[in-house]
Structures are given as C-alpha cells and as structure tokens.
PDB file of N, CA and C in Angstrom:
ATOM      1  N   UNK A   1       7.166   6.937   5.979  1.00  0.00           N
ATOM      2  CA  UNK A   1       6.177   5.806   6.291  1.00  0.00           C
ATOM      3  C   UNK A   1       5.440   5.185   5.090  1.00  0.00           C
ATOM      4  N   UNK A   2       5.477   3.906   5.060  1.00  0.00           N
ATOM      5  CA  UNK A   2       4.512   3.105   3.458  1.00  0.00           C
ATOM      6  C   UNK A   2       3.570   2.433   4.068  1.00  0.00           C
ATOM      7  N   UNK A   3       2.417   2.236   3.518  1.00  0.00           N
ATOM      8  CA  UNK A   3       1.361   1.899   4.034  1.00  0.00           C
ATOM      9  C   UNK A   3       1.110   0.753   2.763  1.00  0.00           C
ATOM     10  N   UNK A   4       0.549  -0.711   2.929  1.00  0.00           N
ATOM     11  CA  UNK A   4       0.916  -1.174   1.617  1.00  0.00           C
ATOM     12  C   UNK A   4      -1.188  -1.471   1.104  1.00  0.00           C
ATOM     13  N   UNK A   5      -1.387  -1.787  -0.002  1.00  0.00           N
ATOM     14  CA  UNK A   5      -2.866  -1.492   0.173  1.00  0.00           C
ATOM     15  C   UNK A   5      -3.003  -2.367  -1.020  1.00  0.00           C
ATOM     16  N   UNK A   6      -3.991  -3.320  -1.197  1.00  0.00           N
ATOM     17  CA  UNK A   6      -4.391  -4.395  -2.310  1.00  0.00           C
ATOM     18  C   UNK A   6      -4.229  -3.532  -3.478  1.00  0.00           C
ATOM     19  N   UNK A   7      -5.454  -2.487  -3.625  1.00  0.00           N
ATOM     20  CA  UNK A   7      -5.907  -1.726  -5.001  1.00  0.00           C
ATOM     21  C   UNK A   7      -5.493  -0.556  -5.347  1.00  0.00           C
ATOM     22  N   UNK A   8      -5.351   0.106  -6.397  1.00  0.00           N
ATOM     23  CA  UNK A   8      -4.856   0.829  -6.530  1.00  0.00           C
ATOM     24  C   UNK A   8      -6.003   2.171  -6.437  1.00  0.00           C
ATOM     25  N   UNK A   9      -7.716   1.293  -6.614  1.00  0.00           N
ATOM     26  CA  UNK A   9      -8.814   2.131  -5.706  1.00  0.00           C
ATOM     27  C   UNK A   9      -8.637   2.467  -4.863  1.00  0.00           C
ATOM     28  N   UNK A  10      -8.367   1.618  -3.846  1.00  0.00           N
ATOM     29  CA  UNK A  10      -8.265   1.980  -2.490  1.00  0.00           C
ATOM     30  C   UNK A  10      -7.023   2.509  -2.099  1.00  0.00           C
ATOM     31  N   UNK A  11      -6.122   2.307  -2.722  1.00  0.00           N
ATOM     32  CA  UNK A  11      -4.882   3.156  -2.309  1.00  0.00           C
ATOM     33  C   UNK A  11      -5.455   5.072  -2.310  1.00  0.00           C
ATOM     34  N   UNK A  12      -5.829   5.132  -3.719  1.00  0.00           N
ATOM     35  CA  UNK A  12      -6.007   6.883  -4.184  1.00  0.00           C
ATOM     36  C   UNK A  12      -7.769   7.055  -2.963  1.00  0.00           C
ATOM     37  N   UNK A  13      -8.159   6.194  -3.083  1.00  0.00           N
ATOM     38  CA  UNK A  13      -9.391   6.641  -2.084  1.00  0.00           C
ATOM     39  C   UNK A  13      -9.060   7.084  -0.659  1.00  0.00           C
ATOM     40  N   UNK A  14      -7.728   6.137   0.086  1.00  0.00           N
ATOM     41  CA  UNK A  14      -7.153   6.449   1.454  1.00  0.00           C
ATOM     42  C   UNK A  14      -6.464   7.865   1.222  1.00  0.00           C
ATOM     43  N   UNK A  15      -5.641   7.932   0.013  1.00  0.00           N
ATOM     44  CA  UNK A  15      -4.735   9.324  -0.159  1.00  0.00           C
ATOM     45  C   UNK A  15      -5.735  10.385  -0.107  1.00  0.00           C
ATOM     46  N   UNK A  16      -7.040  10.548  -0.762  1.00  0.00           N
ATOM     47  CA  UNK A  16      -7.373  11.204  -0.737  1.00  0.00           C
ATOM     48  C   UNK A  16      -8.324  12.049   0.444  1.00  0.00           C
ATOM     49  N   UNK A  17      -8.616  10.582   1.490  1.00  0.00           N
ATOM     50  CA  UNK A  17      -9.281  10.950   2.234  1.00  0.00           C
ATOM     51  C   UNK A  17      -8.044  11.456   3.208  1.00  0.00           C
ATOM     52  N   UNK A  18      -7.033  11.415   3.593  1.00  0.00           N
ATOM     53  CA  UNK A  18      -5.969  11.248   4.242  1.00  0.00           C
ATOM     54  C   UNK A  18      -5.354  13.198   3.813  1.00  0.00           C
ATOM     55  N   UNK A  19      -5.699  13.418   2.628  1.00  0.00           N
ATOM     56  CA  UNK A  19      -5.080  14.698   2.179  1.00  0.00           C
ATOM     57  C   UNK A  19      -6.237  15.896   2.836  1.00  0.00           C
ATOM     58  N   UNK A  20      -7.320  15.350   2.789  1.00  0.00           N
ATOM     59  CA  UNK A  20      -8.995  15.937   3.054  1.00  0.00           C
ATOM     60  C   UNK A  20      -8.711  16.402   4.438  1.00  0.00           C
ATOM     61  N   UNK A  21      -8.557  15.530   5.394  1.00  0.00           N
ATOM     62  CA  UNK A  21      -8.716  15.151   6.449  1.00  0.00           C
ATOM     63  C   UNK A  21      -7.433  16.073   7.254  1.00  0.00           C
ATOM     64  N   UNK A  22      -6.239  15.425   6.831  1.00  0.00           N
ATOM     65  CA  UNK A  22      -4.900  15.940   7.310  1.00  0.00           C
ATOM     66  C   UNK A  22      -4.188  17.153   6.823  1.00  0.00           C
ATOM     67  N   UNK A  23      -4.506  17.316   5.649  1.00  0.00           N
ATOM     68  CA  UNK A  23      -3.898  18.202   4.303  1.00  0.00           C
ATOM     69  C   UNK A  23      -2.511  18.100   4.694  1.00  0.00           C
ATOM     70  N   UNK A  24      -2.312  16.490   4.515  1.00  0.00           N
ATOM     71  CA  UNK A  24      -0.756  16.074   4.023  1.00  0.00           C
ATOM     72  C   UNK A  24      -0.602  16.196   3.088  1.00  0.00           C
ATOM     73  N   UNK A  25       0.638  15.928   2.601  1.00  0.00           N
ATOM     74  CA  UNK A  25       0.911  15.043   1.075  1.00  0.00           C
ATOM     75  C   UNK A  25       1.077  13.495   1.118  1.00  0.00           C
ATOM     76  N   UNK A  26       0.528  12.822   0.601  1.00  0.00           N
ATOM     77  CA  UNK A  26       0.708  11.935   0.497  1.00  0.00           C
ATOM     78  C   UNK A  26       0.510  11.091  -1.270  1.00  0.00           C
ATOM     79  N   UNK A  27       1.883  10.240  -1.434  1.00  0.00           N
ATOM     80  CA  UNK A  27       1.381   9.598  -2.728  1.00  0.00           C
ATOM     81  C   UNK A  27       1.178   8.330  -2.630  1.00  0.00           C
ATOM     82  N   UNK A  28       0.816   8.038  -3.803  1.00  0.00           N
ATOM     83  CA  UNK A  28       0.623   6.739  -4.253  1.00  0.00           C
ATOM     84  C   UNK A  28       1.130   6.127  -5.428  1.00  0.00           C
ATOM     85  N   UNK A  29       1.773   4.900  -4.596  1.00  0.00           N
ATOM     86  CA  UNK A  29       3.020   4.160  -5.660  1.00  0.00           C
ATOM     87  C   UNK A  29       2.647   2.878  -5.921  1.00  0.00           C
ATOM     88  N   UNK A  30       3.173   2.126  -6.908  1.00  0.00           N
ATOM     89  CA  UNK A  30       3.704   0.684  -6.379  1.00  0.00           C
ATOM     90  C   UNK A  30       4.327   0.082  -5.565  1.00  0.00           C
ATOM     91  N   UNK A  31       3.757  -0.847  -4.955  1.00  0.00           N
ATOM     92  CA  UNK A  31       4.654  -1.383  -3.607  1.00  0.00           C
ATOM     93  C   UNK A  31       5.941  -1.711  -4.145  1.00  0.00           C
ATOM     94  N   UNK A  32       6.839  -1.539  -3.471  1.00  0.00           N
ATOM     95  CA  UNK A  32       8.320  -1.624  -3.517  1.00  0.00           C
ATOM     96  C   UNK A  32       8.247  -3.614  -3.780  1.00  0.00           C
ATOM     97  N   UNK A  33       9.489  -4.179  -4.884  1.00  0.00           N
ATOM     98  CA  UNK A  33       9.548  -5.399  -5.158  1.00  0.00           C
ATOM     99  C   UNK A  33       9.636  -6.448  -3.645  1.00  0.00           C
ATOM    100  N   UNK A  34      10.286  -6.200  -3.359  1.00  0.00           N
ATOM    101  CA  UNK A  34      10.852  -6.125  -1.590  1.00  0.00           C
ATOM    102  C   UNK A  34       9.896  -6.720  -0.936  1.00  0.00           C
ATOM    103  N   UNK A  35       8.699  -5.588  -0.938  1.00  0.00           N
ATOM    104  CA  UNK A  35       7.441  -5.446  -0.119  1.00  0.00           C
ATOM    105  C   UNK A  35       5.987  -6.687  -0.668  1.00  0.00           C
ATOM    106  N   UNK A  36       6.012  -6.607  -2.154  1.00  0.00           N
ATOM    107  CA  UNK A  36       4.943  -7.097  -2.670  1.00  0.00           C
ATOM    108  C   UNK A  36       5.234  -8.574  -2.368  1.00  0.00           C
ATOM    109  N   UNK A  37       3.987  -9.338  -2.028  1.00  0.00           N
ATOM    110  CA  UNK A  37       3.885 -10.261  -1.786  1.00  0.00           C
ATOM    111  C   UNK A  37       2.829 -10.878  -2.479  1.00  0.00           C
ATOM    112  N   UNK A  38       2.980 -10.643  -3.838  1.00  0.00           N
ATOM    113  CA  UNK A  38       2.549 -11.942  -4.420  1.00  0.00           C
ATOM    114  C   UNK A  38       1.111 -10.646  -5.470  1.00  0.00           C
ATOM    115  N   UNK A  39       0.594 -10.323  -6.505  1.00  0.00           N
ATOM    116  CA  UNK A  39      -0.597 -10.103  -7.030  1.00  0.00           C
ATOM    117  C   UNK A  39      -0.262  -8.403  -6.980  1.00  0.00           C
ATOM    118  N   UNK A  40      -1.736  -7.749  -7.524  1.00  0.00           N
ATOM    119  CA  UNK A  40      -1.544  -6.366  -7.496  1.00  0.00           C
ATOM    120  C   UNK A  40      -1.416  -5.641  -6.016  1.00  0.00           C
ATOM    121  N   UNK A  41      -0.571  -4.636  -5.820  1.00  0.00           N
ATOM    122  CA  UNK A  41       0.225  -4.106  -4.631  1.00  0.00           C
ATOM    123  C   UNK A  41       0.131  -2.797  -5.091  1.00  0.00           C
ATOM    124  N   UNK A  42      -0.405  -1.753  -4.524  1.00  0.00           N
ATOM    125  CA  UNK A  42      -0.280  -0.502  -4.040  1.00  0.00           C
ATOM    126  C   UNK A  42       0.236  -0.234  -3.307  1.00  0.00           C
ATOM    127  N   UNK A  43       0.581   1.086  -2.441  1.00  0.00           N
ATOM    128  CA  UNK A  43       0.930   1.475  -1.325  1.00  0.00           C
ATOM    129  C   UNK A  43       0.819   3.436  -1.329  1.00  0.00           C
ATOM    130  N   UNK A  44       0.646   3.579   0.002  1.00  0.00           N
ATOM    131  CA  UNK A  44       0.652   5.207   0.152  1.00  0.00           C
ATOM    132  C   UNK A  44       2.204   5.553   0.496  1.00  0.00           C
ATOM    133  N   UNK A  45       2.352   6.192   0.607  1.00  0.00           N
ATOM    134  CA  UNK A  45       3.713   7.164   1.264  1.00  0.00           C
ATOM    135  C   UNK A  45       3.618   8.590   1.784  1.00  0.00           C
ATOM    136  N   UNK A  46       4.082   8.685   2.963  1.00  0.00           N
ATOM    137  CA  UNK A  46       3.913   9.894   3.407  1.00  0.00           C
ATOM    138  C   UNK A  46       5.232  10.051   4.904  1.00  0.00           C
ATOM    139  N   UNK A  47       5.003  11.490   5.454  1.00  0.00           N
ATOM    140  CA  UNK A  47       6.041  11.180   6.568  1.00  0.00           C
ATOM    141  C   UNK A  47       5.682  10.512   7.565  1.00  0.00           C
ATOM    142  N   UNK A  48       6.783   9.934   8.072  1.00  0.00           N
ATOM    143  CA  UNK A  48       6.148   9.443   9.204  1.00  0.00           C
ATOM    144  C   UNK A  48       6.089  10.155  10.462  1.00  0.00           C
ATOM    145  N   UNK A  49       6.518  11.262  10.352  1.00  0.00           N
ATOM    146  CA  UNK A  49       5.677  12.229  11.602  1.00  0.00           C
ATOM    147  C   UNK A  49       4.293  12.184  11.804  1.00  0.00           C
ATOM    148  N   UNK A  50       3.577  11.797  10.521  1.00  0.00           N
ATOM    149  CA  UNK A  50       1.988  11.588  10.594  1.00  0.00           C
ATOM    150  C   UNK A  50       1.347  10.298  10.667  1.00  0.00           C
ATOM    151  N   UNK A  51       2.468   9.210  11.669  1.00  0.00           N
ATOM    152  CA  UNK A  51       1.955   7.934  11.543  1.00  0.00           C
ATOM    153  C   UNK A  51       0.697   7.644  12.061  1.00  0.00           C
ATOM    154  N   UNK A  52       0.764   8.305  13.583  1.00  0.00           N
ATOM    155  CA  UNK A  52      -0.766   7.789  14.188  1.00  0.00           C
ATOM    156  C   UNK A  52      -1.680   8.714  13.939  1.00  0.00           C
ATOM    157  N   UNK A  53      -1.761   9.524  13.060  1.00  0.00           N
ATOM    158  CA  UNK A  53      -2.597  10.751  12.405  1.00  0.00           C
ATOM    159  C   UNK A  53      -3.612   9.996  11.704  1.00  0.00           C
ATOM    160  N   UNK A  54      -2.539   9.583  10.235  1.00  0.00           N
ATOM    161  CA  UNK A  54      -3.304   8.837   9.426  1.00  0.00           C
ATOM    162  C   UNK A  54      -3.566   7.005   9.751  1.00  0.00           C
ATOM    163  N   UNK A  55      -3.274   6.633  10.945  1.00  0.00           N
ATOM    164  CA  UNK A  55      -3.606   5.633  11.474  1.00  0.00           C
ATOM    165  C   UNK A  55      -5.037   5.754  11.794  1.00  0.00           C
ATOM    166  N   UNK A  56      -5.357   6.957  12.543  1.00  0.00           N
ATOM    167  CA  UNK A  56      -6.821   6.978  13.116  1.00  0.00           C
ATOM    168  C   UNK A  56      -7.711   7.070  11.713  1.00  0.00           C
ATOM    169  N   UNK A  57      -7.581   8.257  10.613  1.00  0.00           N
ATOM    170  CA  UNK A  57      -8.103   8.155   9.680  1.00  0.00           C
ATOM    171  C   UNK A  57      -8.612   6.873   9.168  1.00  0.00           C
ATOM    172  N   UNK A  58      -7.617   6.375   8.753  1.00  0.00           N
ATOM    173  CA  UNK A  58      -7.189   5.031   7.981  1.00  0.00           C
ATOM    174  C   UNK A  58      -8.581   4.212   8.746  1.00  0.00           C
ATOM    175  N   UNK A  59      -8.790   4.091   9.811  1.00  0.00           N
ATOM    176  CA  UNK A  59      -9.557   3.528  11.207  1.00  0.00           C
ATOM    177  C   UNK A  59     -11.026   3.800  10.947  1.00  0.00           C
ATOM    178  N   UNK A  60     -10.777   5.127  11.068  1.00  0.00           N
ATOM    179  CA  UNK A  60     -12.294   6.054  10.943  1.00  0.00           C
ATOM    180  C   UNK A  60     -12.879   5.515   9.730  1.00  0.00           C
ATOM    181  N   UNK A  61     -12.534   5.507   8.588  1.00  0.00           N
ATOM    182  CA  UNK A  61     -13.188   5.116   7.678  1.00  0.00           C
ATOM    183  C   UNK A  61     -13.075   3.723   7.260  1.00  0.00           C
ATOM    184  N   UNK A  62     -12.257   3.039   7.626  1.00  0.00           N
ATOM    185  CA  UNK A  62     -12.360   1.522   7.531  1.00  0.00           C
ATOM    186  C   UNK A  62     -11.617   1.216   6.255  1.00  0.00           C
ATOM    187  N   UNK A  63     -10.550   1.771   5.719  1.00  0.00           N
ATOM    188  CA  UNK A  63     -10.263   1.307   4.633  1.00  0.00           C
ATOM    189  C   UNK A  63      -8.939   0.291   5.020  1.00  0.00           C
ATOM    190  N   UNK A  64      -9.470  -0.420   4.056  1.00  0.00           N
ATOM    191  CA  UNK A  64      -8.700  -1.747   4.150  1.00  0.00           C
ATOM    192  C   UNK A  64      -7.139  -1.546   3.742  1.00  0.00           C
ATOM    193  N   UNK A  65      -6.233  -2.052   4.878  1.00  0.00           N
ATOM    194  CA  UNK A  65      -4.521  -2.294   4.451  1.00  0.00           C
ATOM    195  C   UNK A  65      -3.834  -3.261   4.465  1.00  0.00           C
ATOM    196  N   UNK A  66      -2.776  -3.323   4.300  1.00  0.00           N
ATOM    197  CA  UNK A  66      -2.129  -4.829   4.321  1.00  0.00           C
ATOM    198  C   UNK A  66      -1.184  -4.646   5.534  1.00  0.00           C
ATOM    199  N   UNK A  67       0.239  -3.778   4.970  1.00  0.00           N
ATOM    200  CA  UNK A  67       0.978  -3.898   6.419  1.00  0.00           C
ATOM    201  C   UNK A  67       1.240  -2.112   6.168  1.00  0.00           C
ATOM    202  N   UNK A  68       2.110  -2.001   7.349  1.00  0.00           N
ATOM    203  CA  UNK A  68       2.506  -0.539   7.945  1.00  0.00           C
ATOM    204  C   UNK A  68       4.384  -0.401   7.762  1.00  0.00           C
ATOM    205  N   UNK A  69       4.755  -0.042   7.469  1.00  0.00           N
ATOM    206  CA  UNK A  69       6.259  -0.086   7.103  1.00  0.00           C
ATOM    207  C   UNK A  69       6.706   1.539   7.263  1.00  0.00           C
ATOM    208  N   UNK A  70       7.804   1.474   8.341  1.00  0.00           N
ATOM    209  CA  UNK A  70       8.532   2.451   8.161  1.00  0.00           C
ATOM    210  C   UNK A  70       9.724   2.628   7.328  1.00  0.00           C
ATOM    211  N   UNK A  71      10.322   3.834   7.039  1.00  0.00           N
ATOM    212  CA  UNK A  71      11.243   4.008   5.814  1.00  0.00           C
ATOM    213  C   UNK A  71      12.780   3.664   5.993  1.00  0.00           C
ATOM    214  N   UNK A  72      13.674   2.847   6.409  1.00  0.00           N
ATOM    215  CA  UNK A  72      15.056   3.433   6.999  1.00  0.00           C
ATOM    216  C   UNK A  72      16.029   3.794   6.275  1.00  0.00           C
ATOM    217  N   UNK A  73      15.586   4.208   5.057  1.00  0.00           N
ATOM    218  CA  UNK A  73      16.703   4.218   4.272  1.00  0.00           C
ATOM    219  C   UNK A  73      16.131   4.226   2.643  1.00  0.00           C
ATOM    220  N   UNK A  74      16.866   3.954   1.370  1.00  0.00           N
ATOM    221  CA  UNK A  74      16.763   3.822   0.297  1.00  0.00           C
ATOM    222  C   UNK A  74      16.185   2.213   0.112  1.00  0.00           C
ATOM    223  N   UNK A  75      15.008   1.880   0.232  1.00  0.00           N
ATOM    224  CA  UNK A  75      14.962   0.298   0.004  1.00  0.00           C
ATOM    225  C   UNK A  75      14.914  -0.150   1.355  1.00  0.00           C
ATOM    226  N   UNK A  76      15.034   0.304   2.508  1.00  0.00           N
ATOM    227  CA  UNK A  76      15.196  -0.527   3.505  1.00  0.00           C
ATOM    228  C   UNK A  76      14.258  -0.139   4.483  1.00  0.00           C
ATOM    229  N   UNK A  77      12.927  -1.178   5.020  1.00  0.00           N
ATOM    230  CA  UNK A  77      12.256  -1.191   4.998  1.00  0.00           C
ATOM    231  C   UNK A  77      11.847  -1.430   6.649  1.00  0.00           C
ATOM    232  N   UNK A  78      11.128  -1.183   7.775  1.00  0.00           N
ATOM    233  CA  UNK A  78      11.067  -2.021   9.220  1.00  0.00           C
ATOM    234  C   UNK A  78       9.172  -2.033   9.397  1.00  0.00           C
ATOM    235  N   UNK A  79       9.128  -3.441   9.025  1.00  0.00           N
ATOM    236  CA  UNK A  79       7.699  -3.908   9.367  1.00  0.00           C
ATOM    237  C   UNK A  79       7.105  -3.185  10.619  1.00  0.00           C
ATOM    238  N   UNK A  80       5.970  -2.558  10.581  1.00  0.00           N
ATOM    239  CA  UNK A  80       5.426  -2.444  11.787  1.00  0.00           C
ATOM    240  C   UNK A  80       4.166  -2.709  12.119  1.00  0.00           C
ATOM    241  N   UNK A  81       3.789  -3.745  11.429  1.00  0.00           N
ATOM    242  CA  UNK A  81       2.225  -4.126  11.458  1.00  0.00           C
ATOM    243  C   UNK A  81       2.170  -5.255  12.245  1.00  0.00           C
TER     244      UNK A  81
END
C-alpha cells in the first residue's frame, strides 16, 4: 500500500504514529515519479493487509493525505482514492 503525502514532515509523523499505534513496519519514501502530481511529495509504504487500520489511525490523528494506492507489482499502482 502506498499513501501519498505532501511533505516529508507529515509523512514522517504519519509513519511514527502508525508504528506506535499498530506496531507495523512503515517506510517513508519519495513518491514514485508516475504518481507525483507536481511539487514536493513523499509517501508512506506498508503492507496492504493493514489498509483499514492505517486509514483509521490517519483519520483519528487528522493527518492530511493526498491519495491511496495499492501496489499491483513493480511500478504498477491502483488508485483507491
């Protein structure tokens, strides 16, 4: 799963909160070129299995996100927004 976020600060905050609340592995990465819609963009990446739990935590903490994607394979993303 990939969630695009506008800034590295917000992405880092989201990853920290998710790790603390859910105890799962979360990576902060530059948004892949094909998904970046201009400007600075970072994403968090985690297992698709945690989609609903992460969505709840992000909502509870009012973390602003841009879009949600499932990863279908190397460089192939399905927009879930």
